[in-house]
Amino acid sequence: MSHTQYPGGRRRIQRSELAVPGSNPALFAKAAASAADYVFLDLEDAVAPADKEAARANVIAALRDTDWRGRGKTVSVRINGIDTPYMYRDLIEVAEQAGGRLDTILIPKVGVPADVYLADALLTQIESAKGFAAGSIGLEVLIETALGMANVEAIAACGGRLEAMHFGVADYAASCRARTTVIGGLNPDYPGDQWHSALSRMLAACRAYGVRAIDGPFGDFGDADGYMLAARRAAALGYEGKWAIHPSQIALANEVFSPPPAEVERARRILQALEEAAEQGRGAAQLDGRMIDAASARMAENIVAADDAIAKKQSGGADK
């Protein structure tokens, strides 16, 4: 988990990201009371075309009437894509009417940096017109098309409000014409993990430009083992969290993307051993029969920082 300073100094914990359809307000209170770190109220894929306007009104009311932040949540809205007739009203109405209660906007199917610029420019004008603090609403993007992946480094370099990238495996599979009909699962005909290359490329782009990397959905919410396998693969690469399309997946994500106590304890021992070596004028040391050096310290610092940030959030002092 990266703890680089993000736009506006924001450092968010995003181990579990609960998706909530904007057309189903009965789920909003449950989402706010859940153990999810992050909730996004969805106006895109989870909402039928005939329900788009009603869902938008539901989401605005939920942002205004629910104390998401007081319950330890980062709250976001996934708007419709810029190639739809809904996007501009989504962004304008949500930001104008509830921007002071909103952490981020999640933009789907981002293909080129100009997609991010469009949303950024509109938000800048809205914040100025409504008297919100400049840059107070962050942006997150979904990389879920071949075009987006082809431009992922340029998109990550947008800077400004951009805080996080999410890997949208379902639409990415469709865009690539992959031979699969499951969301996030593996194809037994492929010798390994067919999503590894895309996940690795997006992760490197995120780390190069100080953007959080989030893994997307796993569709079979009855398959806890499959979810855990996918989450562990993402965590091993360096991802910070994963979507939960069902409440049963929240605890799984929180577990996988929290460093295990034994890992944290070893990381602290590495830092202590290297500190002692430095006091003796040595740049390297041995711990449990293995050599450790400055690179070991950087890896250990990531683990300790992640554990400290999670502990701070759980104690009610998260940096929002």
C-alpha atoms as a PDB file:
ATOM      1  CA  MET A   1       0.000   0.000   0.000  1.00  0.00           C
ATOM      2  CA  SER A   2       1.455   3.304  -1.042  1.00  0.00           C
ATOM      3  CA  HIS A   3       1.357   6.246   1.295  1.00  0.00           C
ATOM      4  CA  THR A   4       2.725   8.838  -1.068  1.00  0.00           C
ATOM      5  CA  GLN A   5       1.130  12.248  -0.710  1.00  0.00           C
ATOM      6  CA  TYR A   6      -1.726  12.421  -3.167  1.00  0.00           C
ATOM      7  CA  PRO A   7      -3.599  15.453  -4.496  1.00  0.00           C
ATOM      8  CA  GLY A   8      -4.602  17.728  -1.634  1.00  0.00           C
ATOM      9  CA  GLY A   9      -2.507  15.665   0.790  1.00  0.00           C
ATOM     10  CA  ARG A  10      -5.117  12.879   0.749  1.00  0.00           C
ATOM     11  CA  ARG A  11      -4.040   9.403   1.812  1.00  0.00           C
ATOM     12  CA  ARG A  12      -6.954   7.009   1.617  1.00  0.00           C
ATOM     13  CA  ILE A  13      -7.243   3.424   2.770  1.00  0.00           C
ATOM     14  CA  GLN A  14      -9.031   1.514  -0.004  1.00  0.00           C
ATOM     15  CA  ARG A  15      -8.708  -2.173   0.904  1.00  0.00           C
ATOM     16  CA  SER A  16     -12.375  -2.897   0.240  1.00  0.00           C
ATOM     17  CA  GLU A  17     -14.531  -0.957  -2.219  1.00  0.00           C
ATOM     18  CA  LEU A  18     -18.237  -1.663  -1.990  1.00  0.00           C
ATOM     19  CA  ALA A  19     -20.297  -1.054  -5.122  1.00  0.00           C
ATOM     20  CA  VAL A  20     -23.870   0.124  -4.442  1.00  0.00           C
ATOM     21  CA  PRO A  21     -26.465   0.638  -7.225  1.00  0.00           C
ATOM     22  CA  GLY A  22     -27.808   4.172  -7.195  1.00  0.00           C
ATOM     23  CA  SER A  23     -31.206   2.798  -8.152  1.00  0.00           C
ATOM     24  CA  ASN A  24     -31.503   0.861  -4.880  1.00  0.00           C
ATOM     25  CA  PRO A  25     -31.534   3.373  -1.994  1.00  0.00           C
ATOM     26  CA  ALA A  26     -32.537   0.641   0.444  1.00  0.00           C
ATOM     27  CA  LEU A  27     -28.901  -0.467   0.341  1.00  0.00           C
ATOM     28  CA  PHE A  28     -27.376   2.919   1.214  1.00  0.00           C
ATOM     29  CA  ALA A  29     -27.724   2.706   4.998  1.00  0.00           C
ATOM     30  CA  LYS A  30     -26.337  -0.834   4.997  1.00  0.00           C
ATOM     31  CA  ALA A  31     -23.355   0.319   2.945  1.00  0.00           C
ATOM     32  CA  ALA A  32     -22.670   3.183   5.336  1.00  0.00           C
ATOM     33  CA  ALA A  33     -22.777   0.795   8.293  1.00  0.00           C
ATOM     34  CA  SER A  34     -20.582  -1.838   6.631  1.00  0.00           C
ATOM     35  CA  ALA A  35     -16.884  -2.517   7.233  1.00  0.00           C
ATOM     36  CA  ALA A  36     -15.953  -1.311   3.739  1.00  0.00           C
ATOM     37  CA  ASP A  37     -13.242   1.327   3.569  1.00  0.00           C
ATOM     38  CA  TYR A  38     -14.742   2.881   0.460  1.00  0.00           C
ATOM     39  CA  VAL A  39     -18.238   2.988  -1.029  1.00  0.00           C
ATOM     40  CA  PHE A  40     -19.069   4.032  -4.543  1.00  0.00           C
ATOM     41  CA  LEU A  41     -22.643   4.834  -5.421  1.00  0.00           C
ATOM     42  CA  ASP A  42     -23.095   3.622  -8.967  1.00  0.00           C
ATOM     43  CA  LEU A  43     -24.866   5.476 -11.744  1.00  0.00           C
ATOM     44  CA  GLU A  44     -23.353   3.414 -14.570  1.00  0.00           C
ATOM     45  CA  ASP A  45     -23.542  -0.337 -15.207  1.00  0.00           C
ATOM     46  CA  ALA A  46     -25.708  -1.215 -12.203  1.00  0.00           C
ATOM     47  CA  VAL A  47     -28.481   1.171 -13.300  1.00  0.00           C
ATOM     48  CA  ALA A  48     -30.856   0.535 -16.200  1.00  0.00           C
ATOM     49  CA  PRO A  49     -31.239   3.389 -18.727  1.00  0.00           C
ATOM     50  CA  ALA A  50     -34.813   4.079 -17.656  1.00  0.00           C
ATOM     51  CA  ASP A  51     -33.656   4.543 -14.057  1.00  0.00           C
ATOM     52  CA  LYS A  52     -30.667   6.836 -14.644  1.00  0.00           C
ATOM     53  CA  GLU A  53     -32.293  10.117 -13.607  1.00  0.00           C
ATOM     54  CA  ALA A  54     -33.996   8.655 -10.546  1.00  0.00           C
ATOM     55  CA  ALA A  55     -30.742   6.997  -9.487  1.00  0.00           C
ATOM     56  CA  ARG A  56     -28.927  10.326  -9.792  1.00  0.00           C
ATOM     57  CA  ALA A  57     -31.466  11.951  -7.465  1.00  0.00           C
ATOM     58  CA  ASN A  58     -31.157   9.039  -5.036  1.00  0.00           C
ATOM     59  CA  VAL A  59     -27.382   9.392  -4.929  1.00  0.00           C
ATOM     60  CA  ILE A  60     -27.482  13.138  -4.347  1.00  0.00           C
ATOM     61  CA  ALA A  61     -29.913  12.640  -1.463  1.00  0.00           C
ATOM     62  CA  ALA A  62     -27.717   9.886   0.004  1.00  0.00           C
ATOM     63  CA  LEU A  63     -24.625  12.080  -0.140  1.00  0.00           C
ATOM     64  CA  ARG A  64     -26.435  14.942   1.569  1.00  0.00           C
ATOM     65  CA  ASP A  65     -28.319  12.938   4.176  1.00  0.00           C
ATOM     66  CA  THR A  66     -25.754  10.319   5.254  1.00  0.00           C
ATOM     67  CA  ASP A  67     -22.605  11.024   7.260  1.00  0.00           C
ATOM     68  CA  TRP A  68     -20.323   8.736   5.251  1.00  0.00           C
ATOM     69  CA  ARG A  69     -17.101  10.301   6.493  1.00  0.00           C
ATOM     70  CA  GLY A  70     -18.228  10.142  10.102  1.00  0.00           C
ATOM     71  CA  ARG A  71     -18.569   6.410   9.612  1.00  0.00           C
ATOM     72  CA  GLY A  72     -15.030   6.101   8.340  1.00  0.00           C
ATOM     73  CA  LYS A  73     -15.940   5.861   4.665  1.00  0.00           C
ATOM     74  CA  THR A  74     -14.453   7.337   1.562  1.00  0.00           C
ATOM     75  CA  VAL A  75     -17.505   7.971  -0.609  1.00  0.00           C
ATOM     76  CA  SER A  76     -17.429   8.170  -4.387  1.00  0.00           C
ATOM     77  CA  VAL A  77     -19.882   8.250  -7.277  1.00  0.00           C
ATOM     78  CA  ARG A  78     -19.309   6.310 -10.472  1.00  0.00           C
ATOM     79  CA  ILE A  79     -20.758   8.485 -13.184  1.00  0.00           C
ATOM     80  CA  ASN A  80     -21.655   7.309 -16.678  1.00  0.00           C
ATOM     81  CA  GLY A  81     -19.010   7.366 -19.388  1.00  0.00           C
ATOM     82  CA  ILE A  82     -18.290  10.450 -21.460  1.00  0.00           C
ATOM     83  CA  ASP A  83     -19.639   8.678 -24.545  1.00  0.00           C
ATOM     84  CA  THR A  84     -23.137   8.572 -23.012  1.00  0.00           C
ATOM     85  CA  PRO A  85     -25.854  11.252 -22.808  1.00  0.00           C
ATOM     86  CA  TYR A  86     -25.878  10.935 -18.999  1.00  0.00           C
ATOM     87  CA  MET A  87     -22.314  11.864 -18.077  1.00  0.00           C
ATOM     88  CA  TYR A  88     -22.467  15.649 -18.048  1.00  0.00           C
ATOM     89  CA  ARG A  89     -25.651  15.791 -15.964  1.00  0.00           C
ATOM     90  CA  ASP A  90     -24.230  13.174 -13.581  1.00  0.00           C
ATOM     91  CA  LEU A  91     -21.096  15.169 -12.906  1.00  0.00           C
ATOM     92  CA  ILE A  92     -22.694  18.603 -12.793  1.00  0.00           C
ATOM     93  CA  GLU A  93     -25.724  17.727 -10.664  1.00  0.00           C
ATOM     94  CA  VAL A  94     -23.834  15.498  -8.220  1.00  0.00           C
ATOM     95  CA  ALA A  95     -20.946  17.940  -7.784  1.00  0.00           C
ATOM     96  CA  GLU A  96     -23.107  21.071  -7.582  1.00  0.00           C
ATOM     97  CA  GLN A  97     -25.682  19.649  -5.187  1.00  0.00           C
ATOM     98  CA  ALA A  98     -23.502  17.413  -3.007  1.00  0.00           C
ATOM     99  CA  GLY A  99     -19.880  18.276  -3.796  1.00  0.00           C
ATOM    100  CA  GLY A 100     -19.160  19.268  -0.234  1.00  0.00           C
ATOM    101  CA  ARG A 101     -20.004  15.734   0.928  1.00  0.00           C
ATOM    102  CA  LEU A 102     -18.213  13.884  -1.850  1.00  0.00           C
ATOM    103  CA  ASP A 103     -14.659  12.533  -1.822  1.00  0.00           C
ATOM    104  CA  THR A 104     -14.156  11.454  -5.424  1.00  0.00           C
ATOM    105  CA  ILE A 105     -15.768  10.957  -8.805  1.00  0.00           C
ATOM    106  CA  LEU A 106     -15.045   7.624 -10.511  1.00  0.00           C
ATOM    107  CA  ILE A 107     -14.932   7.890 -14.307  1.00  0.00           C
ATOM    108  CA  PRO A 108     -15.543   4.667 -16.255  1.00  0.00           C
ATOM    109  CA  LYS A 109     -13.930   3.572 -19.518  1.00  0.00           C
ATOM    110  CA  VAL A 110     -11.217   6.210 -19.564  1.00  0.00           C
ATOM    111  CA  GLY A 111      -9.299   5.848 -22.806  1.00  0.00           C
ATOM    112  CA  VAL A 112      -7.136   8.960 -23.181  1.00  0.00           C
ATOM    113  CA  PRO A 113      -5.854  11.744 -20.887  1.00  0.00           C
ATOM    114  CA  ALA A 114      -8.390  14.161 -22.368  1.00  0.00           C
ATOM    115  CA  ASP A 115     -11.158  12.169 -20.654  1.00  0.00           C
ATOM    116  CA  VAL A 116      -9.643  13.074 -17.293  1.00  0.00           C
ATOM    117  CA  TYR A 117      -9.086  16.683 -18.354  1.00  0.00           C
ATOM    118  CA  LEU A 118     -12.762  17.071 -19.245  1.00  0.00           C
ATOM    119  CA  ALA A 119     -13.942  16.024 -15.785  1.00  0.00           C
ATOM    120  CA  ASP A 120     -11.184  18.009 -14.067  1.00  0.00           C
ATOM    121  CA  ALA A 121     -12.086  21.205 -15.950  1.00  0.00           C
ATOM    122  CA  LEU A 122     -15.780  20.873 -15.145  1.00  0.00           C
ATOM    123  CA  LEU A 123     -15.064  20.237 -11.458  1.00  0.00           C
ATOM    124  CA  THR A 124     -12.766  23.249 -11.286  1.00  0.00           C
ATOM    125  CA  GLN A 125     -15.549  25.487 -12.575  1.00  0.00           C
ATOM    126  CA  ILE A 126     -18.148  23.923 -10.278  1.00  0.00           C
ATOM    127  CA  GLU A 127     -15.954  24.337  -7.197  1.00  0.00           C
ATOM    128  CA  SER A 128     -15.375  27.979  -8.068  1.00  0.00           C
ATOM    129  CA  ALA A 129     -19.043  28.671  -8.734  1.00  0.00           C
ATOM    130  CA  LYS A 130     -20.294  26.894  -5.601  1.00  0.00           C
ATOM    131  CA  GLY A 131     -17.586  28.104  -3.244  1.00  0.00           C
ATOM    132  CA  PHE A 132     -16.081  24.656  -2.592  1.00  0.00           C
ATOM    133  CA  ALA A 133     -12.381  24.409  -1.798  1.00  0.00           C
ATOM    134  CA  ALA A 134     -10.351  24.197  -4.996  1.00  0.00           C
ATOM    135  CA  GLY A 135      -9.416  20.623  -5.817  1.00  0.00           C
ATOM    136  CA  SER A 136     -11.509  19.199  -2.987  1.00  0.00           C
ATOM    137  CA  ILE A 137     -13.188  16.585  -5.196  1.00  0.00           C
ATOM    138  CA  GLY A 138     -10.751  13.929  -6.341  1.00  0.00           C
ATOM    139  CA  LEU A 139     -10.894  11.875  -9.521  1.00  0.00           C
ATOM    140  CA  GLU A 140     -10.474   8.146  -9.981  1.00  0.00           C
ATOM    141  CA  VAL A 141     -10.539   6.307 -13.280  1.00  0.00           C
ATOM    142  CA  LEU A 142     -11.417   2.870 -14.540  1.00  0.00           C
ATOM    143  CA  ILE A 143      -9.011   1.317 -17.013  1.00  0.00           C
ATOM    144  CA  GLU A 144     -11.294  -1.169 -18.718  1.00  0.00           C
ATOM    145  CA  THR A 145     -10.726  -0.904 -22.458  1.00  0.00           C
ATOM    146  CA  ALA A 146      -7.892  -1.773 -24.806  1.00  0.00           C
ATOM    147  CA  LEU A 147      -7.574   1.940 -25.565  1.00  0.00           C
ATOM    148  CA  GLY A 148      -7.239   2.798 -21.894  1.00  0.00           C
ATOM    149  CA  MET A 149      -4.581   0.156 -21.364  1.00  0.00           C
ATOM    150  CA  ALA A 150      -2.682   1.322 -24.448  1.00  0.00           C
ATOM    151  CA  ASN A 151      -2.591   4.817 -22.912  1.00  0.00           C
ATOM    152  CA  VAL A 152      -2.383   3.863 -19.244  1.00  0.00           C
ATOM    153  CA  GLU A 153       0.959   5.584 -18.596  1.00  0.00           C
ATOM    154  CA  ALA A 154      -0.204   8.860 -20.129  1.00  0.00           C
ATOM    155  CA  ILE A 155      -3.447   8.702 -18.147  1.00  0.00           C
ATOM    156  CA  ALA A 156      -1.579   8.040 -14.893  1.00  0.00           C
ATOM    157  CA  ALA A 157       0.599  11.071 -15.615  1.00  0.00           C
ATOM    158  CA  CYS A 158      -2.417  13.437 -15.684  1.00  0.00           C
ATOM    159  CA  GLY A 159      -1.736  14.584 -12.124  1.00  0.00           C
ATOM    160  CA  GLY A 160      -4.029  17.211 -10.669  1.00  0.00           C
ATOM    161  CA  ARG A 161      -7.042  15.589  -9.050  1.00  0.00           C
ATOM    162  CA  LEU A 162      -6.228  12.059 -10.194  1.00  0.00           C
ATOM    163  CA  GLU A 163      -5.925   9.815  -7.137  1.00  0.00           C
ATOM    164  CA  ALA A 164      -6.499   6.224  -8.212  1.00  0.00           C
ATOM    165  CA  MET A 165      -6.849   3.790 -11.086  1.00  0.00           C
ATOM    166  CA  HIS A 166      -9.136   0.768 -10.990  1.00  0.00           C
ATOM    167  CA  PHE A 167      -8.805  -2.271 -13.241  1.00  0.00           C
ATOM    168  CA  GLY A 168     -12.197  -3.061 -14.788  1.00  0.00           C
ATOM    169  CA  VAL A 169     -11.697  -6.673 -15.748  1.00  0.00           C
ATOM    170  CA  ALA A 170     -15.132  -7.384 -17.255  1.00  0.00           C
ATOM    171  CA  ASP A 171     -15.213  -4.579 -19.799  1.00  0.00           C
ATOM    172  CA  TYR A 172     -11.504  -5.058 -20.435  1.00  0.00           C
ATOM    173  CA  ALA A 173     -12.147  -8.700 -21.315  1.00  0.00           C
ATOM    174  CA  ALA A 174     -14.943  -7.649 -23.668  1.00  0.00           C
ATOM    175  CA  SER A 175     -12.790  -4.943 -25.241  1.00  0.00           C
ATOM    176  CA  CYS A 176      -9.992  -7.442 -25.872  1.00  0.00           C
ATOM    177  CA  ARG A 177     -12.459 -10.107 -27.060  1.00  0.00           C
ATOM    178  CA  ALA A 178     -11.091 -12.468 -24.449  1.00  0.00           C
ATOM    179  CA  ARG A 179     -12.571 -15.971 -24.420  1.00  0.00           C
ATOM    180  CA  THR A 180     -14.380 -15.708 -21.106  1.00  0.00           C
ATOM    181  CA  THR A 181     -17.834 -14.967 -19.760  1.00  0.00           C
ATOM    182  CA  VAL A 182     -16.900 -14.718 -16.060  1.00  0.00           C
ATOM    183  CA  ILE A 183     -15.892 -11.558 -14.219  1.00  0.00           C
ATOM    184  CA  GLY A 184     -12.403 -11.731 -12.794  1.00  0.00           C
ATOM    185  CA  GLY A 185     -12.016 -15.486 -12.857  1.00  0.00           C
ATOM    186  CA  LEU A 186      -9.420 -17.495 -14.736  1.00  0.00           C
ATOM    187  CA  ASN A 187      -9.786 -19.331 -18.030  1.00  0.00           C
ATOM    188  CA  PRO A 188      -8.429 -22.875 -17.640  1.00  0.00           C
ATOM    189  CA  ASP A 189      -7.308 -22.791 -21.277  1.00  0.00           C
ATOM    190  CA  TYR A 190      -4.761 -20.086 -20.438  1.00  0.00           C
ATOM    191  CA  PRO A 191      -1.467 -21.263 -18.870  1.00  0.00           C
ATOM    192  CA  GLY A 192      -1.580 -19.011 -15.816  1.00  0.00           C
ATOM    193  CA  ASP A 193      -3.362 -15.746 -15.084  1.00  0.00           C
ATOM    194  CA  GLN A 194      -4.547 -14.047 -18.274  1.00  0.00           C
ATOM    195  CA  TRP A 195      -4.992 -10.725 -16.397  1.00  0.00           C
ATOM    196  CA  HIS A 196      -1.449 -10.598 -15.046  1.00  0.00           C
ATOM    197  CA  SER A 197       0.060  -8.560 -17.869  1.00  0.00           C
ATOM    198  CA  ALA A 198      -2.635  -5.871 -17.709  1.00  0.00           C
ATOM    199  CA  LEU A 199      -2.534  -5.713 -13.914  1.00  0.00           C
ATOM    200  CA  SER A 200       1.261  -5.409 -13.921  1.00  0.00           C
ATOM    201  CA  ARG A 201       1.270  -2.667 -16.533  1.00  0.00           C
ATOM    202  CA  MET A 202      -1.374  -0.613 -14.751  1.00  0.00           C
ATOM    203  CA  LEU A 203       0.385  -1.098 -11.405  1.00  0.00           C
ATOM    204  CA  ALA A 204       3.683   0.182 -12.782  1.00  0.00           C
ATOM    205  CA  ALA A 205       1.950   3.248 -14.266  1.00  0.00           C
ATOM    206  CA  CYS A 206       0.288   3.983 -10.922  1.00  0.00           C
ATOM    207  CA  ARG A 207       3.491   3.684  -8.934  1.00  0.00           C
ATOM    208  CA  ALA A 208       5.447   5.769 -11.442  1.00  0.00           C
ATOM    209  CA  TYR A 209       3.071   8.711 -11.010  1.00  0.00           C
ATOM    210  CA  GLY A 210       1.901   8.417  -7.384  1.00  0.00           C
ATOM    211  CA  VAL A 211      -1.585   7.059  -8.099  1.00  0.00           C
ATOM    212  CA  ARG A 212      -3.269   4.342  -6.024  1.00  0.00           C
ATOM    213  CA  ALA A 213      -3.837   1.010  -7.788  1.00  0.00           C
ATOM    214  CA  ILE A 214      -7.117  -0.829  -7.120  1.00  0.00           C
ATOM    215  CA  ASP A 215      -8.209  -4.212  -8.467  1.00  0.00           C
ATOM    216  CA  GLY A 216     -11.743  -4.520  -9.769  1.00  0.00           C
ATOM    217  CA  PRO A 217     -14.610  -6.976  -9.343  1.00  0.00           C
ATOM    218  CA  PHE A 218     -14.849 -10.731  -8.946  1.00  0.00           C
ATOM    219  CA  GLY A 219     -18.278 -11.683 -10.161  1.00  0.00           C
ATOM    220  CA  ASP A 220     -19.012 -14.971  -8.391  1.00  0.00           C
ATOM    221  CA  PHE A 221     -19.732 -13.726  -4.894  1.00  0.00           C
ATOM    222  CA  GLY A 222     -20.517 -17.276  -3.813  1.00  0.00           C
ATOM    223  CA  ASP A 223     -16.920 -18.325  -4.506  1.00  0.00           C
ATOM    224  CA  ALA A 224     -14.969 -16.964  -1.559  1.00  0.00           C
ATOM    225  CA  ASP A 225     -11.899 -19.038  -2.404  1.00  0.00           C
ATOM    226  CA  GLY A 226     -11.834 -17.682  -5.958  1.00  0.00           C
ATOM    227  CA  TYR A 227     -12.154 -14.125  -4.666  1.00  0.00           C
ATOM    228  CA  MET A 228      -9.323 -14.631  -2.198  1.00  0.00           C
ATOM    229  CA  LEU A 229      -7.095 -16.090  -4.906  1.00  0.00           C
ATOM    230  CA  ALA A 230      -7.683 -13.099  -7.176  1.00  0.00           C
ATOM    231  CA  ALA A 231      -7.182 -10.648  -4.302  1.00  0.00           C
ATOM    232  CA  ARG A 232      -3.934 -12.284  -3.192  1.00  0.00           C
ATOM    233  CA  ARG A 233      -2.545 -12.159  -6.712  1.00  0.00           C
ATOM    234  CA  ALA A 234      -3.324  -8.443  -6.900  1.00  0.00           C
ATOM    235  CA  ALA A 235      -1.889  -7.781  -3.430  1.00  0.00           C
ATOM    236  CA  ALA A 236       1.289  -9.651  -4.339  1.00  0.00           C
ATOM    237  CA  LEU A 237       1.798  -7.256  -7.240  1.00  0.00           C
ATOM    238  CA  GLY A 238       1.306  -4.192  -5.037  1.00  0.00           C
ATOM    239  CA  TYR A 239      -2.394  -3.345  -5.388  1.00  0.00           C
ATOM    240  CA  GLU A 240      -3.972  -1.567  -2.439  1.00  0.00           C
ATOM    241  CA  GLY A 241      -7.492  -2.953  -2.549  1.00  0.00           C
ATOM    242  CA  LYS A 242     -10.236  -4.692  -4.473  1.00  0.00           C
ATOM    243  CA  TRP A 243     -13.884  -4.170  -5.260  1.00  0.00           C
ATOM    244  CA  ALA A 244     -16.619  -5.902  -3.315  1.00  0.00           C
ATOM    245  CA  ILE A 245     -19.757  -6.332  -5.389  1.00  0.00           C
ATOM    246  CA  HIS A 246     -21.427  -8.102  -2.460  1.00  0.00           C
ATOM    247  CA  PRO A 247     -21.115  -7.411   1.286  1.00  0.00           C
ATOM    248  CA  SER A 248     -19.694 -10.920   1.807  1.00  0.00           C
ATOM    249  CA  GLN A 249     -16.554  -9.848  -0.054  1.00  0.00           C
ATOM    250  CA  ILE A 250     -15.749  -6.896   2.232  1.00  0.00           C
ATOM    251  CA  ALA A 251     -14.111  -8.886   5.018  1.00  0.00           C
ATOM    252  CA  LEU A 252     -12.150 -10.915   2.470  1.00  0.00           C
ATOM    253  CA  ALA A 253     -10.680  -7.780   0.899  1.00  0.00           C
ATOM    254  CA  ASN A 254      -9.900  -6.207   4.261  1.00  0.00           C
ATOM    255  CA  GLU A 255      -8.054  -9.360   5.275  1.00  0.00           C
ATOM    256  CA  VAL A 256      -5.994  -9.742   2.118  1.00  0.00           C
ATOM    257  CA  PHE A 257      -4.975  -6.096   1.808  1.00  0.00           C
ATOM    258  CA  SER A 258      -3.974  -5.736   5.472  1.00  0.00           C
ATOM    259  CA  PRO A 259      -0.388  -6.875   6.142  1.00  0.00           C
ATOM    260  CA  PRO A 260      -0.398 -10.028   8.311  1.00  0.00           C
ATOM    261  CA  PRO A 261       0.938  -9.486  11.857  1.00  0.00           C
ATOM    262  CA  ALA A 262       3.895 -11.804  11.244  1.00  0.00           C
ATOM    263  CA  GLU A 263       4.836  -9.827   8.135  1.00  0.00           C
ATOM    264  CA  VAL A 264       4.598  -6.543  10.033  1.00  0.00           C
ATOM    265  CA  GLU A 265       6.684  -7.918  12.906  1.00  0.00           C
ATOM    266  CA  ARG A 266       9.414  -9.086  10.532  1.00  0.00           C
ATOM    267  CA  ALA A 267       9.393  -5.723   8.733  1.00  0.00           C
ATOM    268  CA  ARG A 268       9.914  -3.915  12.021  1.00  0.00           C
ATOM    269  CA  ARG A 269      12.768  -6.291  12.890  1.00  0.00           C
ATOM    270  CA  ILE A 270      14.396  -5.565   9.508  1.00  0.00           C
ATOM    271  CA  LEU A 271      14.267  -1.835  10.161  1.00  0.00           C
ATOM    272  CA  GLN A 272      15.672  -2.281  13.662  1.00  0.00           C
ATOM    273  CA  ALA A 273      18.505  -4.535  12.434  1.00  0.00           C
ATOM    274  CA  LEU A 274      19.473  -2.065   9.723  1.00  0.00           C
ATOM    275  CA  GLU A 275      19.344   0.838  12.162  1.00  0.00           C
ATOM    276  CA  GLU A 276      21.737  -1.032  14.435  1.00  0.00           C
ATOM    277  CA  ALA A 277      24.005  -1.855  11.470  1.00  0.00           C
ATOM    278  CA  ALA A 278      24.085   1.812  10.451  1.00  0.00           C
ATOM    279  CA  GLU A 279      25.136   2.794  13.962  1.00  0.00           C
ATOM    280  CA  GLN A 280      28.081   0.417  13.530  1.00  0.00           C
ATOM    281  CA  GLY A 281      28.982   1.880  10.161  1.00  0.00           C
ATOM    282  CA  ARG A 282      27.618  -1.024   8.103  1.00  0.00           C
ATOM    283  CA  GLY A 283      25.224  -0.629   5.168  1.00  0.00           C
ATOM    284  CA  ALA A 284      23.938  -4.206   5.331  1.00  0.00           C
ATOM    285  CA  ALA A 285      23.064  -6.715   8.016  1.00  0.00           C
ATOM    286  CA  GLN A 286      21.918 -10.265   8.555  1.00  0.00           C
ATOM    287  CA  LEU A 287      18.545 -11.313   9.915  1.00  0.00           C
ATOM    288  CA  ASP A 288      17.482 -14.930  10.366  1.00  0.00           C
ATOM    289  CA  GLY A 289      20.350 -16.077   8.173  1.00  0.00           C
ATOM    290  CA  ARG A 290      19.550 -13.725   5.287  1.00  0.00           C
ATOM    291  CA  MET A 291      21.257 -10.559   4.068  1.00  0.00           C
ATOM    292  CA  ILE A 292      19.255  -7.355   4.302  1.00  0.00           C
ATOM    293  CA  ASP A 293      20.188  -3.920   2.955  1.00  0.00           C
ATOM    294  CA  ALA A 294      18.717  -0.576   1.914  1.00  0.00           C
ATOM    295  CA  ALA A 295      16.322  -2.230  -0.548  1.00  0.00           C
ATOM    296  CA  SER A 296      15.081  -4.445   2.291  1.00  0.00           C
ATOM    297  CA  ALA A 297      14.435  -1.309   4.318  1.00  0.00           C
ATOM    298  CA  ARG A 298      12.342   0.265   1.567  1.00  0.00           C
ATOM    299  CA  MET A 299      10.178  -2.863   1.300  1.00  0.00           C
ATOM    300  CA  ALA A 300       9.845  -3.074   5.081  1.00  0.00           C
ATOM    301  CA  GLU A 301       8.902   0.608   5.312  1.00  0.00           C
ATOM    302  CA  ASN A 302       5.996   0.019   2.897  1.00  0.00           C
ATOM    303  CA  ILE A 303       4.635  -2.755   5.115  1.00  0.00           C
ATOM    304  CA  VAL A 304       5.010  -0.781   8.334  1.00  0.00           C
ATOM    305  CA  ALA A 305       3.448   2.320   6.767  1.00  0.00           C
ATOM    306  CA  ALA A 306       0.477   0.274   5.588  1.00  0.00           C
ATOM    307  CA  ASP A 307      -0.034  -1.243   9.030  1.00  0.00           C
ATOM    308  CA  ASP A 308       0.248   2.139  10.732  1.00  0.00           C
ATOM    309  CA  ALA A 309      -2.238   3.756   8.337  1.00  0.00           C
ATOM    310  CA  ILE A 310      -4.793   0.986   8.827  1.00  0.00           C
ATOM    311  CA  ALA A 311      -4.399   1.195  12.597  1.00  0.00           C
ATOM    312  CA  LYS A 312      -4.897   4.960  12.435  1.00  0.00           C
ATOM    313  CA  LYS A 313      -8.069   4.540  10.382  1.00  0.00           C
ATOM    314  CA  GLN A 314      -9.463   1.933  12.766  1.00  0.00           C
ATOM    315  CA  SER A 315      -8.814   4.232  15.713  1.00  0.00           C
ATOM    316  CA  GLY A 316     -10.823   6.964  14.017  1.00  0.00           C
ATOM    317  CA  GLY A 317      -7.902   9.127  12.970  1.00  0.00           C
ATOM    318  CA  ALA A 318      -7.665   8.324   9.266  1.00  0.00           C
ATOM    319  CA  ASP A 319      -6.210  10.992   7.036  1.00  0.00           C
ATOM    320  CA  LYS A 320      -9.100  11.855   4.768  1.00  0.00           C
END
